[in-house]
C-alpha atoms as a PDB file:
ATOM      1  CA  MET A   1      17.828   9.864  15.027  1.00  0.00           C
ATOM      2  CA  LEU A   2      14.449  11.158  13.290  1.00  0.00           C
ATOM      3  CA  GLY A   3      16.964  13.119  10.696  1.00  0.00           C
ATOM      4  CA  LEU A   4      15.772  16.640  11.808  1.00  0.00           C
ATOM      5  CA  THR A   5      18.370  19.614  12.174  1.00  0.00           C
ATOM      6  CA  GLU A   6      18.258  21.864  15.265  1.00  0.00           C
ATOM      7  CA  ALA A   7      16.337  24.575  13.638  1.00  0.00           C
ATOM      8  CA  GLU A   8      13.785  22.161  12.629  1.00  0.00           C
ATOM      9  CA  ILE A   9      13.527  20.550  16.008  1.00  0.00           C
ATOM     10  CA  LEU A  10      13.156  23.977  17.620  1.00  0.00           C
ATOM     11  CA  GLU A  11      10.619  25.401  14.658  1.00  0.00           C
ATOM     12  CA  ALA A  12       8.327  22.198  15.423  1.00  0.00           C
ATOM     13  CA  ALA A  13       8.484  22.759  19.229  1.00  0.00           C
ATOM     14  CA  LYS A  14       7.602  26.440  18.446  1.00  0.00           C
ATOM     15  CA  ALA A  15       4.674  25.480  16.203  1.00  0.00           C
ATOM     16  CA  SER A  16       3.334  22.776  18.840  1.00  0.00           C
ATOM     17  CA  ARG A  17       3.515  25.384  21.594  1.00  0.00           C
ATOM     18  CA  ALA A  18       1.538  27.724  19.812  1.00  0.00           C
ATOM     19  CA  ASP A  19      -1.202  25.218  19.102  1.00  0.00           C
ATOM     20  CA  HIS A  20      -0.938  23.762  22.793  1.00  0.00           C
ATOM     21  CA  PRO A  21      -0.046  26.636  25.168  1.00  0.00           C
ATOM     22  CA  GLU A  22       0.207  24.199  28.292  1.00  0.00           C
ATOM     23  CA  PRO A  23       1.535  21.047  26.722  1.00  0.00           C
ATOM     24  CA  PRO A  24       2.689  17.987  28.859  1.00  0.00           C
ATOM     25  CA  ASP A  25       5.978  18.018  30.683  1.00  0.00           C
ATOM     26  CA  GLY A  26       8.436  15.375  30.240  1.00  0.00           C
ATOM     27  CA  PRO A  27      10.966  13.738  28.061  1.00  0.00           C
ATOM     28  CA  LYS A  28       8.158  12.577  25.783  1.00  0.00           C
ATOM     29  CA  ALA A  29       6.058  15.479  25.548  1.00  0.00           C
ATOM     30  CA  LEU A  30       7.099  16.352  21.900  1.00  0.00           C
ATOM     31  CA  ASP A  31       7.782  12.994  20.750  1.00  0.00           C
ATOM     32  CA  ARG A  32       5.021  12.725  18.509  1.00  0.00           C
ATOM     33  CA  VAL A  33       5.360  16.192  17.250  1.00  0.00           C
ATOM     34  CA  MET A  34       8.806  15.538  16.059  1.00  0.00           C
ATOM     35  CA  GLN A  35       7.872  12.142  14.370  1.00  0.00           C
ATOM     36  CA  ARG A  36       5.228  14.143  12.502  1.00  0.00           C
ATOM     37  CA  ALA A  37       7.824  16.701  11.500  1.00  0.00           C
ATOM     38  CA  ALA A  38      10.460  14.178  10.310  1.00  0.00           C
ATOM     39  CA  GLN A  39       7.470  12.446   8.349  1.00  0.00           C
ATOM     40  CA  ARG A  40       6.597  15.598   6.661  1.00  0.00           C
ATOM     41  CA  LYS A  41      10.296  16.307   5.640  1.00  0.00           C
ATOM     42  CA  ALA A  42      10.714  12.751   4.353  1.00  0.00           C
ATOM     43  CA  GLN A  43       7.499  13.088   2.080  1.00  0.00           C
ATOM     44  CA  ALA A  44       8.726  16.441   0.861  1.00  0.00           C
ATOM     45  CA  LYS A  45      11.979  14.917   0.095  1.00  0.00           C
ATOM     46  CA  ALA A  46      10.429  11.965  -1.895  1.00  0.00           C
ATOM     47  CA  ALA A  47       8.382  14.735  -3.620  1.00  0.00           C
ATOM     48  CA  SER A  48      11.124  16.586  -4.692  1.00  0.00           C
ATOM     49  CA  ASP A  49      13.204  13.545  -5.978  1.00  0.00           C
ATOM     50  CA  LYS A  50      10.672  12.624  -8.486  1.00  0.00           C
ATOM     51  CA  PRO A  51      11.914  12.996 -12.302  1.00  0.00           C
ATOM     52  CA  ARG A  52      10.408  15.736 -13.850  1.00  0.00           C
ATOM     53  CA  SER A  53       9.999  16.463 -17.447  1.00  0.00           C
ATOM     54  CA  GLN A  54      11.094  19.996 -19.046  1.00  0.00           C
ATOM     55  CA  ASP A  55       7.824  21.664 -18.358  1.00  0.00           C
ATOM     56  CA  GLY A  56       8.244  20.720 -14.416  1.00  0.00           C
ATOM     57  CA  LYS A  57       5.572  18.267 -14.378  1.00  0.00           C
ATOM     58  CA  ALA A  58       6.134  14.783 -12.981  1.00  0.00           C
ATOM     59  CA  ARG A  59       6.921  12.199 -15.187  1.00  0.00           C
ATOM     60  CA  ARG A  60       5.112   9.024 -15.637  1.00  0.00           C
ATOM     61  CA  ARG A  61       7.098   5.844 -16.422  1.00  0.00           C
ATOM     62  CA  LYS A  62       6.003   3.605 -19.081  1.00  0.00           C
ATOM     63  CA  PRO A  63       4.908   0.392 -17.851  1.00  0.00           C
ATOM     64  CA  THR A  64       7.503  -2.427 -17.910  1.00  0.00           C
ATOM     65  CA  SER A  65       5.503  -5.274 -18.787  1.00  0.00           C
ATOM     66  CA  GLY A  66       4.440  -6.309 -22.486  1.00  0.00           C
ATOM     67  CA  PRO A  67       1.170  -6.911 -23.792  1.00  0.00           C
ATOM     68  CA  ALA A  68      -1.078  -9.364 -21.918  1.00  0.00           C
ATOM     69  CA  PRO A  69      -0.856 -13.000 -23.237  1.00  0.00           C
ATOM     70  CA  SER A  70      -3.607 -14.426 -25.334  1.00  0.00           C
ATOM     71  CA  THR A  71      -5.983 -17.196 -24.056  1.00  0.00           C
ATOM     72  CA  ASP A  72      -4.089 -19.580 -26.294  1.00  0.00           C
ATOM     73  CA  GLU A  73      -0.774 -18.986 -24.263  1.00  0.00           C
ATOM     74  CA  LEU A  74      -2.518 -18.920 -20.724  1.00  0.00           C
ATOM     75  CA  ALA A  75      -4.216 -22.211 -21.797  1.00  0.00           C
ATOM     76  CA  PHE A  76      -0.866 -23.737 -23.040  1.00  0.00           C
ATOM     77  CA  PHE A  77       1.104 -22.529 -19.688  1.00  0.00           C
ATOM     78  CA  TYR A  78      -1.727 -23.937 -17.443  1.00  0.00           C
ATOM     79  CA  ALA A  79      -1.856 -27.366 -19.173  1.00  0.00           C
ATOM     80  CA  GLU A  80       1.756 -27.760 -18.628  1.00  0.00           C
ATOM     81  CA  ARG A  81       1.165 -26.945 -15.046  1.00  0.00           C
ATOM     82  CA  VAL A  82      -1.662 -29.725 -14.919  1.00  0.00           C
ATOM     83  CA  LYS A  83       0.591 -32.234 -16.952  1.00  0.00           C
ATOM     84  CA  GLY A  84       3.463 -31.585 -14.760  1.00  0.00           C
ATOM     85  CA  LYS A  85       4.509 -33.384 -11.429  1.00  0.00           C
ATOM     86  CA  GLY A  86       4.802 -30.188  -8.942  1.00  0.00           C
ATOM     87  CA  TYR A  87       2.206 -28.771  -6.450  1.00  0.00           C
ATOM     88  CA  LEU A  88      -1.017 -27.438  -8.245  1.00  0.00           C
ATOM     89  CA  PRO A  89      -3.431 -25.461  -6.011  1.00  0.00           C
ATOM     90  CA  PRO A  90      -6.873 -26.116  -6.677  1.00  0.00           C
ATOM     91  CA  SER A  91      -7.722 -22.548  -6.956  1.00  0.00           C
ATOM     92  CA  MET A  92      -4.822 -21.706  -9.360  1.00  0.00           C
ATOM     93  CA  ILE A  93      -6.856 -22.339 -12.598  1.00  0.00           C
ATOM     94  CA  SER A  94     -10.279 -20.898 -13.161  1.00  0.00           C
ATOM     95  CA  HIS A  95     -13.252 -22.487 -14.540  1.00  0.00           C
ATOM     96  CA  ALA A  96     -12.863 -20.568 -17.641  1.00  0.00           C
ATOM     97  CA  MET A  97      -9.611 -21.534 -18.370  1.00  0.00           C
ATOM     98  CA  CYS A  98     -10.339 -25.033 -17.785  1.00  0.00           C
ATOM     99  CA  GLN A  99     -12.692 -24.867 -20.523  1.00  0.00           C
ATOM    100  CA  ALA A 100     -10.318 -23.268 -22.583  1.00  0.00           C
ATOM    101  CA  MET A 101      -7.691 -25.875 -22.080  1.00  0.00           C
ATOM    102  CA  LEU A 102     -10.454 -28.720 -22.873  1.00  0.00           C
ATOM    103  CA  GLU A 103     -11.507 -26.915 -26.067  1.00  0.00           C
ATOM    104  CA  ARG A 104      -8.203 -26.624 -27.224  1.00  0.00           C
ATOM    105  CA  LYS A 105      -7.688 -30.493 -26.463  1.00  0.00           C
ATOM    106  CA  LEU A 106      -4.504 -29.725 -24.112  1.00  0.00           C
ATOM    107  CA  VAL A 107      -5.874 -31.889 -21.292  1.00  0.00           C
ATOM    108  CA  THR A 108      -8.375 -34.274 -20.550  1.00  0.00           C
ATOM    109  CA  ARG A 109     -11.137 -33.735 -18.224  1.00  0.00           C
ATOM    110  CA  LYS A 110      -9.526 -36.779 -16.276  1.00  0.00           C
ATOM    111  CA  GLN A 111      -6.250 -34.923 -15.960  1.00  0.00           C
ATOM    112  CA  LEU A 112      -8.285 -31.920 -14.365  1.00  0.00           C
ATOM    113  CA  GLN A 113      -9.864 -34.150 -12.047  1.00  0.00           C
ATOM    114  CA  MET A 114      -6.774 -35.940 -10.869  1.00  0.00           C
ATOM    115  CA  ARG A 115      -5.172 -32.806 -10.298  1.00  0.00           C
ATOM    116  CA  GLY A 116      -8.345 -31.525  -8.235  1.00  0.00           C
ATOM    117  CA  VAL A 117      -8.840 -28.659 -10.541  1.00  0.00           C
ATOM    118  CA  LEU A 118     -12.416 -30.010 -11.673  1.00  0.00           C
END
C-alpha cells in the first residue's frame, strides 16, 4: 500500500526500535514510521528522476513563456475587456493601467466608471 518492499519495512521497523526501545504495541504502532519511510523513498525517487546534464548536475529547464507584454499591449488587452459585454471584476484593472488606457485614448473615463473600474 505504501510502496515499500519487505526489506524496507523490516529496516524501518529496526531503525524505529533502535530509536524507541519500548514502542507502543498494537497494529498501528509503526504506521507513522512506515509513512515517513515511504515518503523518503518517494522523495529519493523523484530526485533521481530529474534530468541530468553531462556533468551530472541537475538541468534547469528554460522558461516556457516569452517576453513580458509591453504596456501598450496590456492597455489594448484591458481596453477590449472594458468595451466588451462580459463580466469584468472591478479589481481586475489597476489604477496605473486605467491611466495608461486613458492616455492612449483606448477608453473613456465614463466607460471605466460604467464598468465599475474607476
